[in-house]
Amino acid sequence: MKKKRRLIAVGSAVGCFLLSFCRPVGAEILQVIISEVMYKPSPSVGLPEAEYVELYNASAAEISLAGWKLAVGRTLKSLPAVSLPPASYLLLAAASDTAALVPYGRVAALSSLSLNNTSQSLALLDAEGRVVFGFTYRHEWQDDAKQTGGWSLEMTDLGHPCEEQGNWRSSASSSGGTPGRPNAVQRTLMPLPLGVSRVVNEDSVHIRVFFSKKAHPEAAKELAAYVLEGIRAEAVTEVLSDWLSVRLRLREELRYGAEYRLRLAAPLCDCAGVEVEGRAVRFARAETADSMDLVINEVLSHPRPGGSPFVELYNRSDKVLDLKQLRLSSVKSDGRLDTGKRVAADGWQLFPGDYVFLCKNVEAVTRFYDAPPEAGISLDAFPSYAQSGGRVVLLDRARVLDDFSYSEDMHYPLLASTEGVSLERVHPDVATQEVSHWCSAASQSGFATPGLRNSCYTEGVFSGAEALQLENSIFSPDGDGYADVLKMRYVLPEAGYRGSVRICRPDGLSLCHLVRDELLGTEGIWVWDGLTDSGQRVPLGAYLIVFEYWNLQGKVRRVRKAVTVATRW
């Protein structure tokens, strides 16, 4: 008989277990949570210019905070011995700010409180030193218009405190926050299942499993929660204090060149009881990168407003590489290399042929480009790269792996603006410093391709293949589901071409301007639905596809293809 999954509520805490593993656990976890943070109170939009952290008792019992501590990064702040009634709030603030906050609710004085304006980890520890709740906020979670200061971050759904970025928003209160009272941005979330974001090997017999969000710390201790392919685990040696990862000890050593997989299973769930997804994530025994194993493949130094600059890397080797020791660097005003910013201090495995983009904030990249978010890393500190030009340097400790000097002049000269347009490498095997090996990303790709193959990618010398190829020369745009559109593929010898595509009658009269003076990649696909520019269906008969493309060196080409619009009888 197949075992059934079941959720068990204990006070305000929820556990997720099999019937054969049914016991209440972690009743103290999530009883008290952080529900609001004011970390940048100046300039004020209504509230006092005072930093505060708001606590909320989500349980049905009164809780004594005697012996509890607030961890601000690595600094512990002792809480006063006060009691917190059910469904009530308590503001934590520096002693010097308590008088200003008293009109808004109960306030507990800390010896001091200094919150970072960009990113800060916060955690509540009970009298026995156990983590009751914790999270790390980021300034990028604020609405763009509210990042100057004066607005708090509020948790939107107190019933799903395991959700981090998606569960925090700028306060909607006209005063800038809601200290001591219900948040102004309440909503009900539909949380995603708990998954694996990545796995890294810490040595030959230990791996670290990173979750997509916080796991229930008690359920995460169960070895049965981790299903491995290609190797066996013998113990969960540690659940990290942020509940976002665990360490496993393996029964045998990982082998170089072998690929392994891991997926999650019951009894694991997130810290509020949401179940796991069964997607498997691959990992290996990573190796050290040599020069040009990793290359700088794409750079965006001039992002759109609200966007993020990024640097994309590509693994051109046949090895699985760990980014743990990598630093992304730039050059100081005196010409010396900066020590650089850590890329992935906890490790990040990159398989052969894979891409990863480094940025200030992944969401600020995926907002504008069709980029896979799982291929992005948000750096706590990102180097400063001037939009006019500079040097992007990839370091392994102090060893240079790749070095790219860029300038705005490398972009396509006829672009109206380079804002939001990346520079792409035409092929990962070509020399980095050759200007002709870089080009502006094509407009068809959205002007950047973070985490994906470059729009300017080319295999090199033009092989003589046709510049324009039709999927079929007859199609019937009648909506019957058969050959309703005409698909065209173009292949160009190199990057840097602009092009136009017109649909014409045999006498040359243009009926549809499918593509108008676009910056093209080295290959792409267009689709014609059989309609004119005015939205009318063309009559049955013969037509010409006219593809014209040109570059700044004066190369102009024109390709004509015949096509017939027909119908099925």
Protein backbone atom coordinates (compact mmCIF):
# COMPACT_ATOMS: atom_id res chain seq x y z
CA MET A 1 0.00 0.00 0.00
CA LYS A 2 1.35 3.42 -0.96
CA LYS A 3 2.09 5.70 1.99
CA LYS A 4 0.12 8.94 2.10
CA ARG A 5 1.51 12.36 2.87
CA ARG A 6 -0.01 14.40 5.63
CA LEU A 7 0.38 17.87 7.19
CA ILE A 8 0.33 18.15 10.97
CA ALA A 9 -0.25 21.51 12.69
CA VAL A 10 1.36 22.04 16.09
CA GLY A 11 0.43 25.41 17.57
CA SER A 12 1.48 27.81 14.81
CA ALA A 13 4.18 25.50 13.48
CA VAL A 14 3.50 23.01 10.72
CA GLY A 15 5.38 19.80 9.98
CA CYS A 16 5.25 17.57 6.89
CA PHE A 17 5.74 13.85 7.44
CA LEU A 18 4.79 10.36 6.33
CA LEU A 19 2.22 8.51 8.46
CA SER A 20 5.03 6.19 9.48
CA PHE A 21 7.01 9.21 10.72
CA CYS A 22 4.24 11.14 12.47
CA ARG A 23 5.36 13.18 15.44
CA PRO A 24 5.13 16.85 16.43
CA VAL A 25 8.39 18.68 15.93
CA GLY A 26 9.80 22.17 16.35
CA ALA A 27 6.82 23.68 18.14
CA GLU A 28 8.95 26.76 18.93
CA ILE A 29 9.92 27.41 15.31
CA LEU A 30 8.07 30.34 13.71
CA GLN A 31 6.09 31.14 16.85
CA VAL A 32 7.67 34.59 16.75
CA ILE A 33 8.62 36.08 13.40
CA ILE A 34 10.04 39.33 12.03
CA SER A 35 7.18 41.02 10.16
CA GLU A 36 8.61 44.46 9.27
CA VAL A 37 12.01 46.17 9.03
CA MET A 38 12.85 49.86 8.79
CA TYR A 39 16.52 49.91 7.83
CA LYS A 40 16.77 53.25 6.00
CA PRO A 41 14.46 55.70 7.82
CA SER A 42 15.92 58.86 6.29
CA PRO A 43 14.60 60.90 4.58
CA SER A 44 11.33 60.40 6.47
CA VAL A 45 8.00 60.38 4.69
CA GLY A 46 6.07 60.48 7.97
CA LEU A 47 7.59 58.15 10.58
CA PRO A 48 10.39 59.10 12.98
CA GLU A 49 13.88 58.72 11.53
CA ALA A 50 14.53 55.62 13.62
CA GLU A 51 15.52 52.10 12.61
CA TYR A 52 13.34 49.30 13.95
CA VAL A 53 12.67 45.57 13.64
CA GLU A 54 9.07 44.52 14.27
CA LEU A 55 8.29 41.14 15.93
CA TYR A 56 4.94 39.36 15.72
CA ASN A 57 3.69 36.51 17.92
CA ALA A 58 2.08 34.14 15.42
CA SER A 59 1.20 31.53 18.07
CA ALA A 60 -1.83 31.11 20.31
CA ALA A 61 0.21 31.44 23.52
CA GLU A 62 1.97 34.25 25.36
CA ILE A 63 5.72 33.95 24.92
CA SER A 64 8.44 35.21 27.23
CA LEU A 65 11.43 36.72 25.42
CA ALA A 66 13.71 36.45 28.45
CA GLY A 67 17.16 35.35 27.27
CA TRP A 68 16.27 35.81 23.59
CA LYS A 69 18.63 37.54 21.18
CA LEU A 70 18.45 39.31 17.84
CA ALA A 71 21.31 38.43 15.49
CA VAL A 72 22.18 41.32 13.18
CA GLY A 73 24.69 39.65 10.89
CA ARG A 74 27.20 38.18 13.37
CA THR A 75 26.34 40.65 16.15
CA LEU A 76 24.03 39.44 18.92
CA LYS A 77 21.71 41.89 20.67
CA SER A 78 20.02 40.79 23.92
CA LEU A 79 16.26 41.35 24.18
CA PRO A 80 14.64 42.62 27.39
CA ALA A 81 12.75 40.08 29.52
CA VAL A 82 9.29 40.99 28.24
CA SER A 83 6.29 38.83 27.32
CA LEU A 84 4.61 38.91 23.96
CA PRO A 85 0.86 38.11 23.95
CA PRO A 86 -0.67 36.15 21.04
CA ALA A 87 -1.19 38.08 17.78
CA SER A 88 0.67 41.10 19.15
CA TYR A 89 3.59 43.20 17.92
CA LEU A 90 6.81 44.39 19.53
CA LEU A 91 9.25 46.94 18.09
CA LEU A 92 12.98 46.47 18.67
CA ALA A 93 14.97 49.69 18.46
CA ALA A 94 18.06 51.37 19.85
CA ALA A 95 17.55 52.82 23.32
CA SER A 96 18.05 56.31 21.89
CA ASP A 97 15.10 55.82 19.50
CA THR A 98 12.52 54.21 21.78
CA ALA A 99 10.86 57.47 22.87
CA ALA A 100 10.17 58.44 19.26
CA LEU A 101 8.55 55.05 18.55
CA VAL A 102 6.44 54.66 21.73
CA PRO A 103 3.37 56.35 20.12
CA TYR A 104 3.25 53.53 17.56
CA GLY A 105 3.16 50.54 19.93
CA ARG A 106 5.18 48.50 22.43
CA VAL A 107 8.93 49.10 22.11
CA ALA A 108 11.83 47.08 23.55
CA ALA A 109 15.14 48.88 23.84
CA LEU A 110 18.34 47.33 22.51
CA SER A 111 21.79 48.61 23.45
CA SER A 112 22.12 49.75 19.81
CA LEU A 113 20.80 48.89 16.38
CA SER A 114 22.57 49.53 13.09
CA LEU A 115 21.06 47.99 9.95
CA ASN A 116 22.81 47.86 6.58
CA ASN A 117 21.19 49.90 3.81
CA THR A 118 21.81 47.29 1.09
CA SER A 119 21.52 43.80 2.60
CA GLN A 120 21.39 42.36 6.11
CA SER A 121 20.77 38.97 7.70
CA LEU A 122 18.49 39.00 10.75
CA ALA A 123 17.63 36.09 13.06
CA LEU A 124 15.76 35.51 16.32
CA LEU A 125 17.36 33.12 18.81
CA ASP A 126 15.50 31.76 21.82
CA ALA A 127 16.93 31.38 25.32
CA GLU A 128 18.60 28.09 24.35
CA GLY A 129 20.26 29.63 21.30
CA ARG A 130 18.01 27.95 18.72
CA VAL A 131 17.02 29.91 15.64
CA VAL A 132 13.29 30.62 15.78
CA PHE A 133 13.13 32.74 12.62
CA GLY A 134 15.56 34.43 10.28
CA PHE A 135 15.88 35.98 6.84
CA THR A 136 18.12 38.25 4.79
CA TYR A 137 16.61 41.37 3.26
CA ARG A 138 17.89 43.12 0.14
CA HIS A 139 17.45 46.76 -0.77
CA GLU A 140 16.41 45.66 -4.30
CA TRP A 141 13.15 44.33 -2.81
CA GLN A 142 12.00 47.91 -2.39
CA ASP A 143 9.91 49.55 -5.10
CA ASP A 144 12.14 51.61 -7.38
CA ALA A 145 10.48 54.86 -6.28
CA LYS A 146 11.00 54.03 -2.59
CA GLN A 147 14.69 53.11 -2.58
CA THR A 148 15.81 56.58 -1.54
CA GLY A 149 14.69 55.90 2.04
CA GLY A 150 11.85 56.44 4.50
CA TRP A 151 9.95 53.22 3.64
CA SER A 152 9.94 49.95 5.57
CA LEU A 153 9.91 46.44 4.13
CA GLU A 154 6.81 44.50 5.21
CA MET A 155 6.03 40.78 5.11
CA THR A 156 2.94 40.37 2.94
CA ASP A 157 1.76 36.91 4.12
CA LEU A 158 2.52 36.08 7.74
CA GLY A 159 1.19 32.56 7.16
CA HIS A 160 4.10 31.72 4.83
CA PRO A 161 7.17 33.20 6.52
CA CYS A 162 9.52 30.80 4.68
CA GLU A 163 9.08 32.75 1.45
CA GLU A 164 11.67 35.52 1.29
CA GLN A 165 11.94 37.87 -1.69
CA GLY A 166 8.42 37.23 -2.98
CA ASN A 167 6.96 37.78 0.48
CA TRP A 168 8.45 41.21 1.19
CA ARG A 169 7.41 44.54 -0.30
CA SER A 170 7.73 48.25 0.36
CA SER A 171 5.08 49.47 2.77
CA ALA A 172 2.00 50.95 1.13
CA SER A 173 1.28 53.19 4.14
CA SER A 174 1.44 56.92 3.41
CA SER A 175 3.61 57.34 6.51
CA GLY A 176 6.24 54.90 5.16
CA GLY A 177 5.52 51.95 7.47
CA THR A 178 3.11 50.33 9.92
CA PRO A 179 5.10 49.84 13.15
CA GLY A 180 3.09 48.10 15.87
CA ARG A 181 0.06 47.33 13.68
CA PRO A 182 -0.96 45.04 10.77
CA ASN A 183 1.06 45.51 7.61
CA ALA A 184 -0.32 47.62 4.78
CA VAL A 185 0.63 45.13 2.03
CA GLN A 186 -1.18 41.99 3.15
CA ARG A 187 -1.92 39.29 0.58
CA THR A 188 -2.19 35.50 0.40
CA LEU A 189 0.66 33.70 -1.35
CA MET A 190 0.52 30.45 -3.30
CA PRO A 191 3.95 29.13 -2.34
CA LEU A 192 5.97 26.93 -4.67
CA PRO A 193 7.17 23.49 -3.50
CA LEU A 194 10.55 23.22 -1.82
CA GLY A 195 13.27 22.31 -4.31
CA VAL A 196 17.03 21.98 -4.72
CA SER A 197 18.71 25.06 -6.16
CA ARG A 198 22.18 23.49 -6.42
CA VAL A 199 24.57 20.92 -4.95
CA VAL A 200 28.32 21.39 -4.45
CA ASN A 201 31.02 19.07 -3.16
CA GLU A 202 32.98 20.45 -0.21
CA ASP A 203 35.54 17.66 -0.42
CA SER A 204 35.65 14.09 -1.76
CA VAL A 205 33.06 12.71 0.72
CA HIS A 206 30.92 15.73 1.72
CA ILE A 207 28.33 17.59 -0.31
CA ARG A 208 26.25 20.64 0.51
CA VAL A 209 22.64 20.75 -0.68
CA PHE A 210 21.11 24.21 -1.19
CA PHE A 211 17.32 24.57 -1.03
CA SER A 212 15.20 26.94 -3.09
CA LYS A 213 13.81 28.32 0.18
CA LYS A 214 13.89 27.54 3.90
CA ALA A 215 13.42 23.89 4.85
CA HIS A 216 11.94 22.70 8.12
CA PRO A 217 15.11 22.20 10.20
CA GLU A 218 13.87 19.05 11.94
CA ALA A 219 12.63 17.36 8.77
CA ALA A 220 15.89 18.34 7.01
CA LYS A 221 17.82 16.12 9.45
CA GLU A 222 16.24 12.95 8.05
CA LEU A 223 18.54 11.06 5.66
CA ALA A 224 15.51 9.59 3.84
CA ALA A 225 14.74 13.09 2.52
CA TYR A 226 17.69 12.91 0.06
CA VAL A 227 17.58 10.49 -2.86
CA LEU A 228 20.89 10.19 -4.71
CA GLU A 229 21.75 8.57 -8.05
CA GLY A 230 25.24 7.16 -8.61
CA ILE A 231 26.35 7.31 -4.96
CA ARG A 232 24.98 6.79 -1.43
CA ALA A 233 24.85 9.08 1.59
CA GLU A 234 25.30 7.83 5.15
CA ALA A 235 24.41 10.86 7.30
CA VAL A 236 23.12 14.41 7.46
CA THR A 237 25.95 16.04 9.38
CA GLU A 238 24.57 19.58 9.67
CA VAL A 239 21.50 21.70 8.99
CA LEU A 240 22.76 25.23 8.46
CA SER A 241 21.34 27.88 10.79
CA ASP A 242 19.60 29.75 7.95
CA TRP A 243 17.65 26.53 7.08
CA LEU A 244 18.67 27.03 3.45
CA SER A 245 21.18 24.17 3.15
CA VAL A 246 22.41 20.93 4.70
CA ARG A 247 25.64 18.92 4.62
CA LEU A 248 25.67 15.22 3.77
CA ARG A 249 28.47 12.70 4.32
CA LEU A 250 28.80 10.11 1.54
CA ARG A 251 29.64 6.44 1.92
CA GLU A 252 32.36 6.54 -0.73
CA GLU A 253 34.47 9.16 -2.47
CA LEU A 254 33.20 11.15 -5.42
CA ARG A 255 35.01 10.29 -8.65
CA TYR A 256 36.36 12.90 -11.05
CA GLY A 257 34.52 12.83 -14.36
CA ALA A 258 31.40 11.15 -12.94
CA GLU A 259 28.00 12.84 -12.83
CA TYR A 260 25.63 12.35 -9.90
CA ARG A 261 22.06 13.47 -9.17
CA LEU A 262 20.08 14.34 -6.06
CA ARG A 263 16.38 14.97 -5.48
CA LEU A 264 14.27 15.67 -2.41
CA ALA A 265 11.56 13.43 -0.97
CA ALA A 266 9.33 13.06 2.09
CA PRO A 267 9.62 13.64 5.00
CA LEU A 268 11.20 16.94 3.90
CA CYS A 269 9.08 20.09 3.53
CA ASP A 270 9.65 23.80 3.87
CA CYS A 271 9.58 25.46 7.27
CA ALA A 272 5.81 26.06 7.05
CA GLY A 273 4.84 22.62 5.70
CA VAL A 274 4.84 23.10 1.93
CA GLU A 275 5.88 19.86 0.22
CA VAL A 276 8.88 19.17 -1.99
CA GLU A 277 9.22 18.86 -5.75
CA GLY A 278 10.98 15.79 -7.12
CA ARG A 279 13.21 17.48 -9.72
CA ALA A 280 16.73 16.05 -9.69
CA VAL A 281 19.80 18.32 -9.73
CA ARG A 282 23.14 17.12 -11.06
CA PHE A 283 26.48 17.56 -9.32
CA ALA A 284 30.02 16.25 -9.59
CA ARG A 285 33.45 16.40 -8.03
CA ALA A 286 34.51 19.81 -9.28
CA GLU A 287 37.97 20.69 -10.57
CA THR A 288 40.07 23.85 -10.57
CA ALA A 289 39.75 26.20 -13.52
CA ASP A 290 42.79 26.84 -15.72
CA SER A 291 43.30 29.92 -17.87
CA MET A 292 40.55 30.18 -20.53
CA ASP A 293 38.55 27.29 -19.06
CA LEU A 294 36.10 30.00 -18.07
CA VAL A 295 35.69 32.96 -20.39
CA ILE A 296 33.90 36.28 -20.22
CA ASN A 297 31.14 35.79 -22.79
CA GLU A 298 28.83 38.82 -22.49
CA VAL A 299 28.92 42.19 -20.69
CA LEU A 300 26.17 44.71 -19.97
CA SER A 301 27.61 47.89 -18.45
CA HIS A 302 24.76 50.28 -19.30
CA PRO A 303 21.52 48.76 -17.90
CA ARG A 304 18.05 50.22 -18.30
CA PRO A 305 16.58 52.14 -15.32
CA GLY A 306 15.65 49.55 -12.71
CA GLY A 307 17.89 46.97 -14.37
CA SER A 308 21.23 45.53 -13.34
CA PRO A 309 24.63 45.36 -15.05
CA PHE A 310 25.84 41.81 -15.59
CA VAL A 311 28.81 39.75 -16.73
CA GLU A 312 28.16 36.34 -18.28
CA LEU A 313 30.69 33.49 -18.01
CA TYR A 314 30.88 30.35 -20.16
CA ASN A 315 32.56 27.04 -19.29
CA ARG A 316 34.42 26.12 -22.50
CA SER A 317 36.35 23.27 -20.85
CA ASP A 318 35.43 19.59 -20.47
CA LYS A 319 35.58 19.88 -16.66
CA VAL A 320 33.00 20.64 -13.99
CA LEU A 321 34.23 23.86 -12.36
CA ASP A 322 33.45 25.31 -8.94
CA LEU A 323 33.15 29.12 -8.81
CA LYS A 324 33.95 29.23 -5.08
CA GLN A 325 37.38 30.83 -5.43
CA LEU A 326 36.46 33.15 -8.28
CA ARG A 327 36.43 36.93 -8.04
CA LEU A 328 35.04 39.44 -10.50
CA SER A 329 37.41 42.37 -10.70
CA SER A 330 37.97 45.73 -12.35
CA VAL A 331 40.90 48.13 -12.59
CA LYS A 332 41.66 50.96 -10.16
CA SER A 333 42.30 54.51 -11.29
CA ASP A 334 46.05 53.89 -11.01
CA GLY A 335 45.84 50.92 -13.40
CA ARG A 336 46.24 48.21 -10.75
CA LEU A 337 43.81 45.31 -10.50
CA ASP A 338 41.22 45.47 -7.74
CA THR A 339 41.11 42.44 -5.44
CA GLY A 340 37.65 41.75 -6.85
CA LYS A 341 34.25 40.66 -5.52
CA ARG A 342 33.52 37.08 -4.49
CA VAL A 343 31.34 35.28 -7.02
CA ALA A 344 30.00 32.37 -4.95
CA ALA A 345 31.61 32.02 -1.53
CA ASP A 346 29.57 28.87 -0.76
CA GLY A 347 30.32 27.25 -4.11
CA TRP A 348 28.56 26.98 -7.47
CA GLN A 349 29.21 24.17 -9.96
CA LEU A 350 29.31 25.00 -13.67
CA PHE A 351 29.18 22.06 -16.08
CA PRO A 352 30.87 22.03 -19.51
CA GLY A 353 28.97 24.19 -22.00
CA ASP A 354 26.98 25.97 -19.28
CA TYR A 355 26.48 29.71 -18.80
CA VAL A 356 26.17 31.78 -15.62
CA PHE A 357 25.54 35.52 -15.35
CA LEU A 358 26.80 37.59 -12.42
CA CYS A 359 24.87 40.70 -11.46
CA LYS A 360 23.70 42.98 -8.67
CA ASN A 361 20.26 41.37 -8.61
CA VAL A 362 18.97 38.47 -10.72
CA GLU A 363 15.38 39.71 -10.70
CA ALA A 364 16.53 43.05 -12.12
CA VAL A 365 18.01 41.13 -15.09
CA THR A 366 15.12 38.70 -15.71
CA ARG A 367 12.73 41.67 -15.58
CA PHE A 368 14.05 42.87 -18.96
CA TYR A 369 15.48 39.77 -20.65
CA ASP A 370 14.36 36.21 -21.32
CA ALA A 371 17.04 34.86 -19.00
CA PRO A 372 16.80 31.62 -16.96
CA PRO A 373 16.88 32.81 -13.32
CA GLU A 374 18.61 29.61 -12.20
CA ALA A 375 21.63 30.67 -14.31
CA GLY A 376 22.08 33.94 -12.38
CA ILE A 377 24.03 34.82 -9.24
CA SER A 378 23.33 38.00 -7.26
CA LEU A 379 26.60 39.29 -5.84
CA ASP A 380 26.58 40.97 -2.43
CA ALA A 381 28.94 43.52 -3.97
CA PHE A 382 29.25 44.07 -7.72
CA PRO A 383 32.23 45.84 -9.33
CA SER A 384 31.69 49.28 -10.82
CA TYR A 385 31.91 49.16 -14.62
CA ALA A 386 31.58 52.50 -16.45
CA GLN A 387 29.20 52.47 -19.40
CA SER A 388 31.76 54.33 -21.54
CA GLY A 389 34.43 51.65 -21.09
CA GLY A 390 36.58 49.68 -18.69
CA ARG A 391 38.07 46.27 -17.94
CA VAL A 392 36.29 43.16 -16.75
CA VAL A 393 38.75 40.75 -15.14
CA LEU A 394 38.01 37.22 -13.94
CA LEU A 395 40.30 36.02 -11.16
CA ASP A 396 40.85 32.65 -9.49
CA ARG A 397 42.31 33.95 -6.25
CA ALA A 398 45.02 36.24 -7.71
CA ARG A 399 45.39 34.36 -11.02
CA VAL A 400 43.83 35.95 -14.12
CA LEU A 401 41.52 33.55 -16.02
CA ASP A 402 40.23 36.08 -18.54
CA ASP A 403 40.53 39.83 -19.13
CA PHE A 404 38.25 41.92 -21.36
CA SER A 405 38.74 45.62 -22.15
CA TYR A 406 35.52 47.07 -23.52
CA SER A 407 34.37 50.47 -24.74
CA GLU A 408 31.10 51.96 -25.92
CA ASP A 409 32.68 52.35 -29.39
CA MET A 410 32.55 48.55 -29.78
CA HIS A 411 28.75 48.73 -30.11
CA TYR A 412 27.00 48.88 -33.45
CA PRO A 413 27.49 52.52 -34.55
CA LEU A 414 23.93 53.17 -35.72
CA LEU A 415 22.26 52.20 -32.43
CA ALA A 416 20.16 55.08 -31.15
CA SER A 417 21.30 54.21 -27.62
CA THR A 418 23.40 51.52 -25.94
CA GLU A 419 21.16 51.54 -22.87
CA GLY A 420 20.18 47.94 -22.14
CA VAL A 421 22.36 46.58 -24.99
CA SER A 422 25.05 44.04 -24.13
CA LEU A 423 28.33 43.27 -25.88
CA GLU A 424 28.49 39.62 -26.92
CA ARG A 425 31.44 37.43 -27.81
CA VAL A 426 30.96 35.85 -31.24
CA HIS A 427 32.47 32.51 -30.12
CA PRO A 428 33.98 31.31 -26.81
CA ASP A 429 37.12 30.02 -28.56
CA VAL A 430 38.20 33.32 -30.12
CA ALA A 431 40.70 35.72 -28.51
CA THR A 432 39.13 37.92 -25.85
CA GLN A 433 40.91 41.18 -26.67
CA GLU A 434 40.18 41.28 -30.41
CA VAL A 435 37.60 44.04 -30.99
CA SER A 436 36.12 42.28 -34.02
CA HIS A 437 35.23 39.32 -31.81
CA TRP A 438 32.56 41.35 -29.99
CA CYS A 439 29.30 42.86 -31.19
CA SER A 440 26.07 44.37 -29.91
CA ALA A 441 23.37 41.83 -29.05
CA ALA A 442 20.66 41.62 -31.69
CA SER A 443 17.35 43.46 -31.30
CA GLN A 444 15.49 40.18 -31.92
CA SER A 445 16.97 38.74 -28.74
CA GLY A 446 15.91 41.78 -26.70
CA PHE A 447 19.45 43.25 -26.95
CA ALA A 448 20.97 40.77 -24.44
CA THR A 449 21.07 37.00 -23.85
CA PRO A 450 22.18 36.40 -20.22
CA GLY A 451 22.38 32.68 -19.45
CA LEU A 452 21.77 31.72 -23.09
CA ARG A 453 23.77 31.31 -26.29
CA ASN A 454 24.73 34.69 -27.74
CA SER A 455 22.66 36.12 -30.57
CA CYS A 456 25.94 36.96 -32.34
CA TYR A 457 27.30 33.42 -32.00
CA THR A 458 28.93 32.10 -35.14
CA GLU A 459 30.96 29.02 -36.00
CA GLY A 460 33.36 31.16 -38.02
CA VAL A 461 33.82 31.22 -41.81
CA PHE A 462 30.58 31.21 -43.83
CA SER A 463 30.14 27.71 -45.21
CA GLY A 464 28.10 28.76 -48.22
CA ALA A 465 24.74 27.82 -46.73
CA GLU A 466 21.79 29.81 -48.00
CA ALA A 467 21.23 33.09 -46.16
CA LEU A 468 17.45 32.54 -46.15
CA GLN A 469 15.81 29.13 -45.88
CA LEU A 470 12.06 28.43 -45.93
CA GLU A 471 10.54 25.58 -43.95
CA ASN A 472 8.26 24.92 -46.95
CA SER A 473 7.43 26.82 -50.13
CA ILE A 474 3.65 26.32 -49.82
CA PHE A 475 1.53 27.17 -46.79
CA SER A 476 -2.17 27.68 -46.03
CA PRO A 477 -2.94 30.42 -43.49
CA ASP A 478 -6.55 29.31 -43.00
CA GLY A 479 -6.50 28.45 -39.29
CA ASP A 480 -7.05 24.72 -39.72
CA GLY A 481 -3.91 23.83 -37.76
CA TYR A 482 -1.98 22.63 -40.79
CA ALA A 483 0.85 24.80 -42.24
CA ASP A 484 -0.88 27.95 -41.03
CA VAL A 485 2.33 30.01 -40.95
CA LEU A 486 5.47 30.30 -43.00
CA LYS A 487 8.70 29.83 -41.03
CA MET A 488 11.91 31.37 -42.37
CA ARG A 489 15.42 30.87 -41.01
CA TYR A 490 18.28 33.19 -41.79
CA VAL A 491 22.00 32.43 -41.44
CA LEU A 492 24.60 35.19 -41.84
CA PRO A 493 28.40 34.90 -42.20
CA GLU A 494 29.19 37.24 -39.31
CA ALA A 495 27.70 39.65 -36.81
CA GLY A 496 27.03 43.32 -37.45
CA TYR A 497 24.40 43.16 -40.21
CA ARG A 498 21.12 45.01 -40.32
CA GLY A 499 18.27 43.68 -42.40
CA SER A 500 14.74 43.99 -43.73
CA VAL A 501 12.21 41.44 -44.98
CA ARG A 502 9.32 42.29 -47.31
CA ILE A 503 6.49 40.15 -48.71
CA CYS A 504 5.78 41.25 -52.30
CA ARG A 505 3.50 40.40 -55.18
CA PRO A 506 5.25 39.11 -58.34
CA ASP A 507 5.03 42.64 -59.80
CA GLY A 508 7.08 43.98 -56.84
CA LEU A 509 4.28 45.67 -54.87
CA SER A 510 5.09 45.34 -51.15
CA LEU A 511 2.23 43.91 -49.08
CA CYS A 512 3.92 43.24 -45.72
CA HIS A 513 7.08 44.71 -44.19
CA LEU A 514 7.84 41.80 -41.86
CA VAL A 515 11.22 43.15 -40.62
CA ARG A 516 12.26 46.80 -40.78
CA ASP A 517 15.93 47.74 -40.51
CA GLU A 518 16.70 45.48 -37.54
CA LEU A 519 20.11 44.69 -36.07
CA LEU A 520 20.45 40.96 -36.75
CA GLY A 521 22.20 38.12 -35.00
CA THR A 522 24.15 35.54 -36.93
CA GLU A 523 21.05 33.38 -37.24
CA GLY A 524 17.39 33.54 -36.37
CA ILE A 525 13.81 32.63 -37.32
CA TRP A 526 10.95 34.74 -38.63
CA VAL A 527 7.30 33.76 -39.03
CA TRP A 528 4.76 35.18 -41.50
CA ASP A 529 1.08 34.55 -40.83
CA GLY A 530 -0.13 35.40 -44.33
CA LEU A 531 -1.41 38.89 -43.38
CA THR A 532 -0.64 42.25 -44.95
CA ASP A 533 0.55 45.33 -43.03
CA SER A 534 -3.11 46.36 -42.70
CA GLY A 535 -4.06 43.00 -41.18
CA GLN A 536 -5.82 41.58 -44.24
CA ARG A 537 -5.25 38.02 -45.41
CA VAL A 538 -3.47 37.88 -48.76
CA PRO A 539 -5.30 36.16 -51.66
CA LEU A 540 -4.26 32.71 -52.77
CA GLY A 541 -1.37 32.80 -55.19
CA ALA A 542 2.40 33.28 -55.60
CA TYR A 543 4.49 35.79 -53.64
CA LEU A 544 8.11 36.78 -53.20
CA ILE A 545 10.04 36.93 -49.92
CA VAL A 546 12.69 39.65 -50.31
CA PHE A 547 15.45 39.61 -47.67
CA GLU A 548 17.96 42.47 -47.78
CA TYR A 549 20.90 42.75 -45.37
CA TRP A 550 23.90 45.06 -45.17
CA ASN A 551 26.76 46.15 -42.90
CA LEU A 552 28.87 49.24 -42.30
CA GLN A 553 31.63 47.99 -44.60
CA GLY A 554 29.31 48.44 -47.57
CA LYS A 555 28.38 44.77 -48.04
CA VAL A 556 24.79 44.65 -49.32
CA ARG A 557 23.01 41.42 -50.17
CA ARG A 558 19.51 40.64 -51.46
CA VAL A 559 17.85 37.21 -51.40
CA ARG A 560 14.54 36.38 -53.09
CA LYS A 561 12.46 33.29 -52.35
CA ALA A 562 9.19 32.24 -53.97
CA VAL A 563 6.30 31.07 -51.83
CA THR A 564 2.73 30.02 -52.60
CA VAL A 565 -0.28 30.75 -50.43
CA ALA A 566 -2.72 27.86 -50.91
CA THR A 567 -5.60 26.16 -49.13
CA ARG A 568 -6.45 22.56 -48.24
CA TRP A 569 -9.40 20.99 -50.00
